[in-house]
């Protein structure tokens, strides 16, 4: 029940853009921290 509450709470707090972002799994080809932070 606690796990499910975390899932539902996180989903409920997301904006449209945040939800869209959660659909993606990009690949990282660089260890540059500025680039990774921006992504």
ModelCIF file with pLDDT and N, C-alpha, C, O atoms, coordinates in Angstrom:
data_MODEL
#
_entry.id   MODEL 
#
_entity.id                         1 
_entity.type                       polymer 
_entity.pdbx_number_of_molecules   1 
#
_entity_poly.entity_id                      1 
_entity_poly.type                           'polypeptide(L)' 
_entity_poly.nstd_linkage                   no 
_entity_poly.nstd_monomer                   no 
_entity_poly.pdbx_seq_one_letter_code       
;(UNK)(UNK)(UNK)(UNK)(UNK)(UNK)(UNK)(UNK)(UNK)(UNK)(UNK)(UNK)(UNK)(UNK)(UNK)(UNK)
(UNK)(UNK)(UNK)(UNK)(UNK)(UNK)(UNK)(UNK)(UNK)(UNK)(UNK)(UNK)(UNK)(UNK)(UNK)(UNK)
(UNK)(UNK)(UNK)(UNK)(UNK)(UNK)(UNK)
;
_entity_poly.pdbx_seq_one_letter_code_can   XXXXXXXXXXXXXXXXXXXXXXXXXXXXXXXXXXXXXXX 
_entity_poly.pdbx_strand_id                 A 
#
loop_
_entity_poly_seq.entity_id 
_entity_poly_seq.num 
_entity_poly_seq.mon_id 
_entity_poly_seq.hetero 
1 1  UNK n 
1 2  UNK n 
1 3  UNK n 
1 4  UNK n 
1 5  UNK n 
1 6  UNK n 
1 7  UNK n 
1 8  UNK n 
1 9  UNK n 
1 10 UNK n 
1 11 UNK n 
1 12 UNK n 
1 13 UNK n 
1 14 UNK n 
1 15 UNK n 
1 16 UNK n 
1 17 UNK n 
1 18 UNK n 
1 19 UNK n 
1 20 UNK n 
1 21 UNK n 
1 22 UNK n 
1 23 UNK n 
1 24 UNK n 
1 25 UNK n 
1 26 UNK n 
1 27 UNK n 
1 28 UNK n 
1 29 UNK n 
1 30 UNK n 
1 31 UNK n 
1 32 UNK n 
1 33 UNK n 
1 34 UNK n 
1 35 UNK n 
1 36 UNK n 
1 37 UNK n 
1 38 UNK n 
1 39 UNK n 
#
_struct_asym.id          A 
_struct_asym.entity_id   1 
#
loop_
_ma_qa_metric.id 
_ma_qa_metric.mode 
_ma_qa_metric.name 
_ma_qa_metric.software_group_id 
_ma_qa_metric.type 
1 global pLDDT . pLDDT 
2 local  pLDDT . pLDDT 
#
_ma_qa_metric_global.metric_id      1 
_ma_qa_metric_global.metric_value   96.41 
_ma_qa_metric_global.model_id       1 
_ma_qa_metric_global.ordinal_id     1 
#
loop_
_ma_qa_metric_local.label_asym_id 
_ma_qa_metric_local.label_comp_id 
_ma_qa_metric_local.label_seq_id 
_ma_qa_metric_local.metric_id 
_ma_qa_metric_local.metric_value 
_ma_qa_metric_local.model_id 
_ma_qa_metric_local.ordinal_id 
A UNK 1  2 98.00 1 1  
A UNK 2  2 98.00 1 2  
A UNK 3  2 98.00 1 3  
A UNK 4  2 98.00 1 4  
A UNK 5  2 98.00 1 5  
A UNK 6  2 98.00 1 6  
A UNK 7  2 98.00 1 7  
A UNK 8  2 98.00 1 8  
A UNK 9  2 98.00 1 9  
A UNK 10 2 98.00 1 10 
A UNK 11 2 98.00 1 11 
A UNK 12 2 98.00 1 12 
A UNK 13 2 97.00 1 13 
A UNK 14 2 98.00 1 14 
A UNK 15 2 98.00 1 15 
A UNK 16 2 98.00 1 16 
A UNK 17 2 98.00 1 17 
A UNK 18 2 98.00 1 18 
A UNK 19 2 98.00 1 19 
A UNK 20 2 98.00 1 20 
A UNK 21 2 98.00 1 21 
A UNK 22 2 98.00 1 22 
A UNK 23 2 98.00 1 23 
A UNK 24 2 98.00 1 24 
A UNK 25 2 98.00 1 25 
A UNK 26 2 98.00 1 26 
A UNK 27 2 95.00 1 27 
A UNK 28 2 92.00 1 28 
A UNK 29 2 86.00 1 29 
A UNK 30 2 88.00 1 30 
A UNK 31 2 90.00 1 31 
A UNK 32 2 93.00 1 32 
A UNK 33 2 95.00 1 33 
A UNK 34 2 96.00 1 34 
A UNK 35 2 95.00 1 35 
A UNK 36 2 95.00 1 36 
A UNK 37 2 96.00 1 37 
A UNK 38 2 96.00 1 38 
A UNK 39 2 96.00 1 39 
#
loop_
_atom_site.group_PDB 
_atom_site.id 
_atom_site.type_symbol 
_atom_site.label_atom_id 
_atom_site.label_alt_id 
_atom_site.label_comp_id 
_atom_site.label_asym_id 
_atom_site.label_entity_id 
_atom_site.label_seq_id 
_atom_site.pdbx_PDB_ins_code 
_atom_site.Cartn_x 
_atom_site.Cartn_y 
_atom_site.Cartn_z 
_atom_site.occupancy 
_atom_site.B_iso_or_equiv 
_atom_site.pdbx_formal_charge 
_atom_site.auth_seq_id 
_atom_site.auth_comp_id 
_atom_site.auth_asym_id 
_atom_site.auth_atom_id 
_atom_site.pdbx_PDB_model_num 
ATOM 1   N N  . UNK A 1 1  ? 0.834  -1.204 0.000   1.00 98.00 ? 1  UNK A N  1 
ATOM 2   C CA . UNK A 1 1  ? 0.000  0.000  0.000   1.00 98.00 ? 1  UNK A CA 1 
ATOM 3   C C  . UNK A 1 1  ? 0.870  1.255  0.000   1.00 98.00 ? 1  UNK A C  1 
ATOM 4   O O  . UNK A 1 1  ? 0.552  2.227  -0.685  1.00 98.00 ? 1  UNK A O  1 
ATOM 5   N N  . UNK A 1 2  ? 1.961  1.242  0.759   1.00 98.00 ? 2  UNK A N  1 
ATOM 6   C CA . UNK A 1 2  ? 2.842  2.412  0.809   1.00 98.00 ? 2  UNK A CA 1 
ATOM 7   C C  . UNK A 1 2  ? 3.531  2.643  -0.535  1.00 98.00 ? 2  UNK A C  1 
ATOM 8   O O  . UNK A 1 2  ? 3.703  3.779  -0.975  1.00 98.00 ? 2  UNK A O  1 
ATOM 9   N N  . UNK A 1 3  ? 3.920  1.544  -1.172  1.00 98.00 ? 3  UNK A N  1 
ATOM 10  C CA . UNK A 1 3  ? 4.530  1.666  -2.503  1.00 98.00 ? 3  UNK A CA 1 
ATOM 11  C C  . UNK A 1 3  ? 3.550  2.287  -3.492  1.00 98.00 ? 3  UNK A C  1 
ATOM 12  O O  . UNK A 1 3  ? 3.901  3.181  -4.262  1.00 98.00 ? 3  UNK A O  1 
ATOM 13  N N  . UNK A 1 4  ? 2.317  1.796  -3.453  1.00 98.00 ? 4  UNK A N  1 
ATOM 14  C CA . UNK A 1 4  ? 1.294  2.282  -4.379  1.00 98.00 ? 4  UNK A CA 1 
ATOM 15  C C  . UNK A 1 4  ? 0.994  3.754  -4.125  1.00 98.00 ? 4  UNK A C  1 
ATOM 16  O O  . UNK A 1 4  ? 0.764  4.523  -5.058  1.00 98.00 ? 4  UNK A O  1 
ATOM 17  N N  . UNK A 1 5  ? 1.001  4.134  -2.855  1.00 98.00 ? 5  UNK A N  1 
ATOM 18  C CA . UNK A 1 5  ? 0.765  5.544  -2.515  1.00 98.00 ? 5  UNK A CA 1 
ATOM 19  C C  . UNK A 1 5  ? 1.851  6.430  -3.109  1.00 98.00 ? 5  UNK A C  1 
ATOM 20  O O  . UNK A 1 5  ? 1.567  7.524  -3.596  1.00 98.00 ? 5  UNK A O  1 
ATOM 21  N N  . UNK A 1 6  ? 3.099  5.957  -3.069  1.00 98.00 ? 6  UNK A N  1 
ATOM 22  C CA . UNK A 1 6  ? 4.198  6.734  -3.662  1.00 98.00 ? 6  UNK A CA 1 
ATOM 23  C C  . UNK A 1 6  ? 3.994  6.884  -5.158  1.00 98.00 ? 6  UNK A C  1 
ATOM 24  O O  . UNK A 1 6  ? 4.175  7.971  -5.708  1.00 98.00 ? 6  UNK A O  1 
ATOM 25  N N  . UNK A 1 7  ? 3.615  5.791  -5.823  1.00 98.00 ? 7  UNK A N  1 
ATOM 26  C CA . UNK A 1 7  ? 3.388  5.831  -7.278  1.00 98.00 ? 7  UNK A CA 1 
ATOM 27  C C  . UNK A 1 7  ? 2.287  6.824  -7.616  1.00 98.00 ? 7  UNK A C  1 
ATOM 28  O O  . UNK A 1 7  ? 2.471  7.690  -8.472  1.00 98.00 ? 7  UNK A O  1 
ATOM 29  N N  . UNK A 1 8  ? 1.154  6.704  -6.954  1.00 98.00 ? 8  UNK A N  1 
ATOM 30  C CA . UNK A 1 8  ? 0.014  7.568  -7.283  1.00 98.00 ? 8  UNK A CA 1 
ATOM 31  C C  . UNK A 1 8  ? 0.305  9.030  -6.932  1.00 98.00 ? 8  UNK A C  1 
ATOM 32  O O  . UNK A 1 8  ? -0.102 9.934  -7.661  1.00 98.00 ? 8  UNK A O  1 
ATOM 33  N N  . UNK A 1 9  ? 0.996  9.262  -5.835  1.00 98.00 ? 9  UNK A N  1 
ATOM 34  C CA . UNK A 1 9  ? 1.321  10.644 -5.444  1.00 98.00 ? 9  UNK A CA 1 
ATOM 35  C C  . UNK A 1 9  ? 2.266  11.288 -6.456  1.00 98.00 ? 9  UNK A C  1 
ATOM 36  O O  . UNK A 1 9  ? 2.071  12.442 -6.840  1.00 98.00 ? 9  UNK A O  1 
ATOM 37  N N  . UNK A 1 10 ? 3.274  10.558 -6.883  1.00 98.00 ? 10 UNK A N  1 
ATOM 38  C CA . UNK A 1 10 ? 4.223  11.110 -7.852  1.00 98.00 ? 10 UNK A CA 1 
ATOM 39  C C  . UNK A 1 10 ? 3.531  11.432 -9.165  1.00 98.00 ? 10 UNK A C  1 
ATOM 40  O O  . UNK A 1 10 ? 3.774  12.481 -9.762  1.00 98.00 ? 10 UNK A O  1 
ATOM 41  N N  . UNK A 1 11 ? 2.672  10.533 -9.613  1.00 98.00 ? 11 UNK A N  1 
ATOM 42  C CA . UNK A 1 11 ? 1.960  10.761 -10.867 1.00 98.00 ? 11 UNK A CA 1 
ATOM 43  C C  . UNK A 1 11 ? 1.043  11.993 -10.752 1.00 98.00 ? 11 UNK A C  1 
ATOM 44  O O  . UNK A 1 11 ? 0.961  12.802 -11.676 1.00 98.00 ? 11 UNK A O  1 
ATOM 45  N N  . UNK A 1 12 ? 0.368  12.118 -9.623  1.00 98.00 ? 12 UNK A N  1 
ATOM 46  C CA . UNK A 1 12 ? -0.591 13.215 -9.447  1.00 98.00 ? 12 UNK A CA 1 
ATOM 47  C C  . UNK A 1 12 ? 0.093  14.577 -9.429  1.00 98.00 ? 12 UNK A C  1 
ATOM 48  O O  . UNK A 1 12 ? -0.520 15.586 -9.777  1.00 98.00 ? 12 UNK A O  1 
ATOM 49  N N  . UNK A 1 13 ? 1.357  14.609 -9.026  1.00 97.00 ? 13 UNK A N  1 
ATOM 50  C CA . UNK A 1 13 ? 2.075  15.888 -8.901  1.00 97.00 ? 13 UNK A CA 1 
ATOM 51  C C  . UNK A 1 13 ? 2.747  16.339 -10.198 1.00 97.00 ? 13 UNK A C  1 
ATOM 52  O O  . UNK A 1 13 ? 3.294  17.440 -10.257 1.00 97.00 ? 13 UNK A O  1 
ATOM 53  N N  . UNK A 1 14 ? 2.714  15.511 -11.226 1.00 98.00 ? 14 UNK A N  1 
ATOM 54  C CA . UNK A 1 14 ? 3.451  15.821 -12.452 1.00 98.00 ? 14 UNK A CA 1 
ATOM 55  C C  . UNK A 1 14 ? 2.675  16.773 -13.362 1.00 98.00 ? 14 UNK A C  1 
ATOM 56  O O  . UNK A 1 14 ? 1.461  16.652 -13.525 1.00 98.00 ? 14 UNK A O  1 
ATOM 57  N N  . UNK A 1 15 ? 3.403  17.718 -13.948 1.00 98.00 ? 15 UNK A N  1 
ATOM 58  C CA . UNK A 1 15 ? 2.844  18.562 -15.005 1.00 98.00 ? 15 UNK A CA 1 
ATOM 59  C C  . UNK A 1 15 ? 2.821  17.766 -16.307 1.00 98.00 ? 15 UNK A C  1 
ATOM 60  O O  . UNK A 1 15 ? 3.348  16.655 -16.367 1.00 98.00 ? 15 UNK A O  1 
ATOM 61  N N  . UNK A 1 16 ? 2.219  18.325 -17.336 1.00 98.00 ? 16 UNK A N  1 
ATOM 62  C CA . UNK A 1 16 ? 2.186  17.647 -18.627 1.00 98.00 ? 16 UNK A CA 1 
ATOM 63  C C  . UNK A 1 16 ? 3.605  17.402 -19.145 1.00 98.00 ? 16 UNK A C  1 
ATOM 64  O O  . UNK A 1 16 ? 3.919  16.300 -19.594 1.00 98.00 ? 16 UNK A O  1 
ATOM 65  N N  . UNK A 1 17 ? 4.454  18.415 -19.085 1.00 98.00 ? 17 UNK A N  1 
ATOM 66  C CA . UNK A 1 17 ? 5.821  18.253 -19.581 1.00 98.00 ? 17 UNK A CA 1 
ATOM 67  C C  . UNK A 1 17 ? 6.587  17.192 -18.780 1.00 98.00 ? 17 UNK A C  1 
ATOM 68  O O  . UNK A 1 17 ? 7.372  16.430 -19.343 1.00 98.00 ? 17 UNK A O  1 
ATOM 69  N N  . UNK A 1 18 ? 6.354  17.150 -17.478 1.00 98.00 ? 18 UNK A N  1 
ATOM 70  C CA . UNK A 1 18 ? 7.032  16.142 -16.652 1.00 98.00 ? 18 UNK A CA 1 
ATOM 71  C C  . UNK A 1 18 ? 6.548  14.750 -17.013 1.00 98.00 ? 18 UNK A C  1 
ATOM 72  O O  . UNK A 1 18 ? 7.332  13.801 -17.029 1.00 98.00 ? 18 UNK A O  1 
ATOM 73  N N  . UNK A 1 19 ? 5.273  14.625 -17.301 1.00 98.00 ? 19 UNK A N  1 
ATOM 74  C CA . UNK A 1 19 ? 4.750  13.319 -17.720 1.00 98.00 ? 19 UNK A CA 1 
ATOM 75  C C  . UNK A 1 19 ? 5.359  12.901 -19.049 1.00 98.00 ? 19 UNK A C  1 
ATOM 76  O O  . UNK A 1 19 ? 5.728  11.740 -19.225 1.00 98.00 ? 19 UNK A O  1 
ATOM 77  N N  . UNK A 1 20 ? 5.465  13.824 -19.975 1.00 98.00 ? 20 UNK A N  1 
ATOM 78  C CA . UNK A 1 20 ? 6.063  13.494 -21.271 1.00 98.00 ? 20 UNK A CA 1 
ATOM 79  C C  . UNK A 1 20 ? 7.507  13.053 -21.088 1.00 98.00 ? 20 UNK A C  1 
ATOM 80  O O  . UNK A 1 20 ? 7.950  12.094 -21.720 1.00 98.00 ? 20 UNK A O  1 
ATOM 81  N N  . UNK A 1 21 ? 8.236  13.739 -20.237 1.00 98.00 ? 21 UNK A N  1 
ATOM 82  C CA . UNK A 1 21 ? 9.625  13.359 -19.986 1.00 98.00 ? 21 UNK A CA 1 
ATOM 83  C C  . UNK A 1 21 ? 9.761  11.949 -19.460 1.00 98.00 ? 21 UNK A C  1 
ATOM 84  O O  . UNK A 1 21 ? 10.723 11.252 -19.783 1.00 98.00 ? 21 UNK A O  1 
ATOM 85  N N  . UNK A 1 22 ? 8.788  11.515 -18.638 1.00 98.00 ? 22 UNK A N  1 
ATOM 86  C CA . UNK A 1 22 ? 8.845  10.174 -18.045 1.00 98.00 ? 22 UNK A CA 1 
ATOM 87  C C  . UNK A 1 22 ? 8.625  9.062  -19.064 1.00 98.00 ? 22 UNK A C  1 
ATOM 88  O O  . UNK A 1 22 ? 8.784  7.882  -18.749 1.00 98.00 ? 22 UNK A O  1 
ATOM 89  N N  . UNK A 1 23 ? 8.263  9.438  -20.279 1.00 98.00 ? 23 UNK A N  1 
ATOM 90  C CA . UNK A 1 23 ? 8.090  8.433  -21.336 1.00 98.00 ? 23 UNK A CA 1 
ATOM 91  C C  . UNK A 1 23 ? 9.403  8.124  -22.042 1.00 98.00 ? 23 UNK A C  1 
ATOM 92  O O  . UNK A 1 23 ? 9.465  7.203  -22.856 1.00 98.00 ? 23 UNK A O  1 
ATOM 93  N N  . UNK A 1 24 ? 10.450 8.880  -21.742 1.00 98.00 ? 24 UNK A N  1 
ATOM 94  C CA . UNK A 1 24 ? 11.705 8.759  -22.489 1.00 98.00 ? 24 UNK A CA 1 
ATOM 95  C C  . UNK A 1 24 ? 12.829 8.154  -21.658 1.00 98.00 ? 24 UNK A C  1 
ATOM 96  O O  . UNK A 1 24 ? 12.919 8.339  -20.444 1.00 98.00 ? 24 UNK A O  1 
ATOM 97  N N  . UNK A 1 25 ? 13.688 7.418  -22.376 1.00 98.00 ? 25 UNK A N  1 
ATOM 98  C CA . UNK A 1 25 ? 14.899 6.826  -21.793 1.00 98.00 ? 25 UNK A CA 1 
ATOM 99  C C  . UNK A 1 25 ? 16.039 7.107  -22.767 1.00 98.00 ? 25 UNK A C  1 
ATOM 100 O O  . UNK A 1 25 ? 16.341 6.271  -23.618 1.00 98.00 ? 25 UNK A O  1 
ATOM 101 N N  . UNK A 1 26 ? 16.682 8.283  -22.653 1.00 98.00 ? 26 UNK A N  1 
ATOM 102 C CA . UNK A 1 26 ? 17.745 8.631  -23.604 1.00 98.00 ? 26 UNK A CA 1 
ATOM 103 C C  . UNK A 1 26 ? 19.046 7.887  -23.308 1.00 98.00 ? 26 UNK A C  1 
ATOM 104 O O  . UNK A 1 26 ? 19.206 7.286  -22.246 1.00 98.00 ? 26 UNK A O  1 
ATOM 105 N N  . UNK A 1 27 ? 19.966 7.938  -24.261 1.00 95.00 ? 27 UNK A N  1 
ATOM 106 C CA . UNK A 1 27 ? 21.287 7.343  -24.097 1.00 95.00 ? 27 UNK A CA 1 
ATOM 107 C C  . UNK A 1 27 ? 22.292 8.453  -23.857 1.00 95.00 ? 27 UNK A C  1 
ATOM 108 O O  . UNK A 1 27 ? 22.195 9.527  -24.450 1.00 95.00 ? 27 UNK A O  1 
ATOM 109 N N  . UNK A 1 28 ? 23.263 8.193  -22.982 1.00 92.00 ? 28 UNK A N  1 
ATOM 110 C CA . UNK A 1 28 ? 24.311 9.163  -22.705 1.00 92.00 ? 28 UNK A CA 1 
ATOM 111 C C  . UNK A 1 28 ? 25.618 8.742  -23.346 1.00 92.00 ? 28 UNK A C  1 
ATOM 112 O O  . UNK A 1 28 ? 26.129 7.658  -23.065 1.00 92.00 ? 28 UNK A O  1 
ATOM 113 N N  . UNK A 1 29 ? 26.153 9.574  -24.189 1.00 86.00 ? 29 UNK A N  1 
ATOM 114 C CA . UNK A 1 29 ? 27.409 9.261  -24.877 1.00 86.00 ? 29 UNK A CA 1 
ATOM 115 C C  . UNK A 1 29 ? 28.557 10.132 -24.384 1.00 86.00 ? 29 UNK A C  1 
ATOM 116 O O  . UNK A 1 29 ? 29.675 10.044 -24.892 1.00 86.00 ? 29 UNK A O  1 
ATOM 117 N N  . UNK A 1 30 ? 28.279 10.965 -23.405 1.00 88.00 ? 30 UNK A N  1 
ATOM 118 C CA . UNK A 1 30 ? 29.296 11.858 -22.874 1.00 88.00 ? 30 UNK A CA 1 
ATOM 119 C C  . UNK A 1 30 ? 29.180 11.908 -21.358 1.00 88.00 ? 30 UNK A C  1 
ATOM 120 O O  . UNK A 1 30 ? 28.084 11.780 -20.812 1.00 88.00 ? 30 UNK A O  1 
ATOM 121 N N  . UNK A 1 31 ? 30.310 12.094 -20.675 1.00 90.00 ? 31 UNK A N  1 
ATOM 122 C CA . UNK A 1 31 ? 30.289 12.246 -19.224 1.00 90.00 ? 31 UNK A CA 1 
ATOM 123 C C  . UNK A 1 31 ? 30.339 13.711 -18.817 1.00 90.00 ? 31 UNK A C  1 
ATOM 124 O O  . UNK A 1 31 ? 30.523 14.021 -17.640 1.00 90.00 ? 31 UNK A O  1 
ATOM 125 N N  . UNK A 1 32 ? 30.176 14.610 -19.776 1.00 93.00 ? 32 UNK A N  1 
ATOM 126 C CA . UNK A 1 32 ? 30.185 16.036 -19.489 1.00 93.00 ? 32 UNK A CA 1 
ATOM 127 C C  . UNK A 1 32 ? 29.006 16.384 -18.570 1.00 93.00 ? 32 UNK A C  1 
ATOM 128 O O  . UNK A 1 32 ? 27.849 16.171 -18.931 1.00 93.00 ? 32 UNK A O  1 
ATOM 129 N N  . UNK A 1 33 ? 29.305 16.913 -17.395 1.00 95.00 ? 33 UNK A N  1 
ATOM 130 C CA . UNK A 1 33 ? 28.268 17.134 -16.395 1.00 95.00 ? 33 UNK A CA 1 
ATOM 131 C C  . UNK A 1 33 ? 27.270 18.202 -16.807 1.00 95.00 ? 33 UNK A C  1 
ATOM 132 O O  . UNK A 1 33 ? 26.082 18.078 -16.506 1.00 95.00 ? 33 UNK A O  1 
ATOM 133 N N  . UNK A 1 34 ? 27.714 19.236 -17.479 1.00 96.00 ? 34 UNK A N  1 
ATOM 134 C CA . UNK A 1 34 ? 26.777 20.261 -17.936 1.00 96.00 ? 34 UNK A CA 1 
ATOM 135 C C  . UNK A 1 34 ? 25.762 19.679 -18.908 1.00 96.00 ? 34 UNK A C  1 
ATOM 136 O O  . UNK A 1 34 ? 24.571 19.983 -18.843 1.00 96.00 ? 34 UNK A O  1 
ATOM 137 N N  . UNK A 1 35 ? 26.253 18.840 -19.807 1.00 95.00 ? 35 UNK A N  1 
ATOM 138 C CA . UNK A 1 35 ? 25.363 18.210 -20.797 1.00 95.00 ? 35 UNK A CA 1 
ATOM 139 C C  . UNK A 1 35 ? 24.377 17.269 -20.116 1.00 95.00 ? 35 UNK A C  1 
ATOM 140 O O  . UNK A 1 35 ? 23.188 17.267 -20.435 1.00 95.00 ? 35 UNK A O  1 
ATOM 141 N N  . UNK A 1 36 ? 24.873 16.474 -19.179 1.00 95.00 ? 36 UNK A N  1 
ATOM 142 C CA . UNK A 1 36 ? 24.007 15.524 -18.485 1.00 95.00 ? 36 UNK A CA 1 
ATOM 143 C C  . UNK A 1 36 ? 22.981 16.247 -17.611 1.00 95.00 ? 36 UNK A C  1 
ATOM 144 O O  . UNK A 1 36 ? 21.811 15.866 -17.577 1.00 95.00 ? 36 UNK A O  1 
ATOM 145 N N  . UNK A 1 37 ? 23.423 17.292 -16.904 1.00 96.00 ? 37 UNK A N  1 
ATOM 146 C CA . UNK A 1 37 ? 22.503 18.052 -16.057 1.00 96.00 ? 37 UNK A CA 1 
ATOM 147 C C  . UNK A 1 37 ? 21.396 18.678 -16.903 1.00 96.00 ? 37 UNK A C  1 
ATOM 148 O O  . UNK A 1 37 ? 20.229 18.664 -16.514 1.00 96.00 ? 37 UNK A O  1 
ATOM 149 N N  . UNK A 1 38 ? 21.758 19.213 -18.035 1.00 96.00 ? 38 UNK A N  1 
ATOM 150 C CA . UNK A 1 38 ? 20.769 19.832 -18.913 1.00 96.00 ? 38 UNK A CA 1 
ATOM 151 C C  . UNK A 1 38 ? 19.734 18.816 -19.384 1.00 96.00 ? 38 UNK A C  1 
ATOM 152 O O  . UNK A 1 38 ? 18.543 19.117 -19.453 1.00 96.00 ? 38 UNK A O  1 
ATOM 153 N N  . UNK A 1 39 ? 20.202 17.603 -19.709 1.00 96.00 ? 39 UNK A N  1 
ATOM 154 C CA . UNK A 1 39 ? 19.273 16.554 -20.161 1.00 96.00 ? 39 UNK A CA 1 
ATOM 155 C C  . UNK A 1 39 ? 18.284 16.199 -19.066 1.00 96.00 ? 39 UNK A C  1 
ATOM 156 O O  . UNK A 1 39 ? 17.427 15.337 -19.263 1.00 96.00 ? 39 UNK A O  1 
#
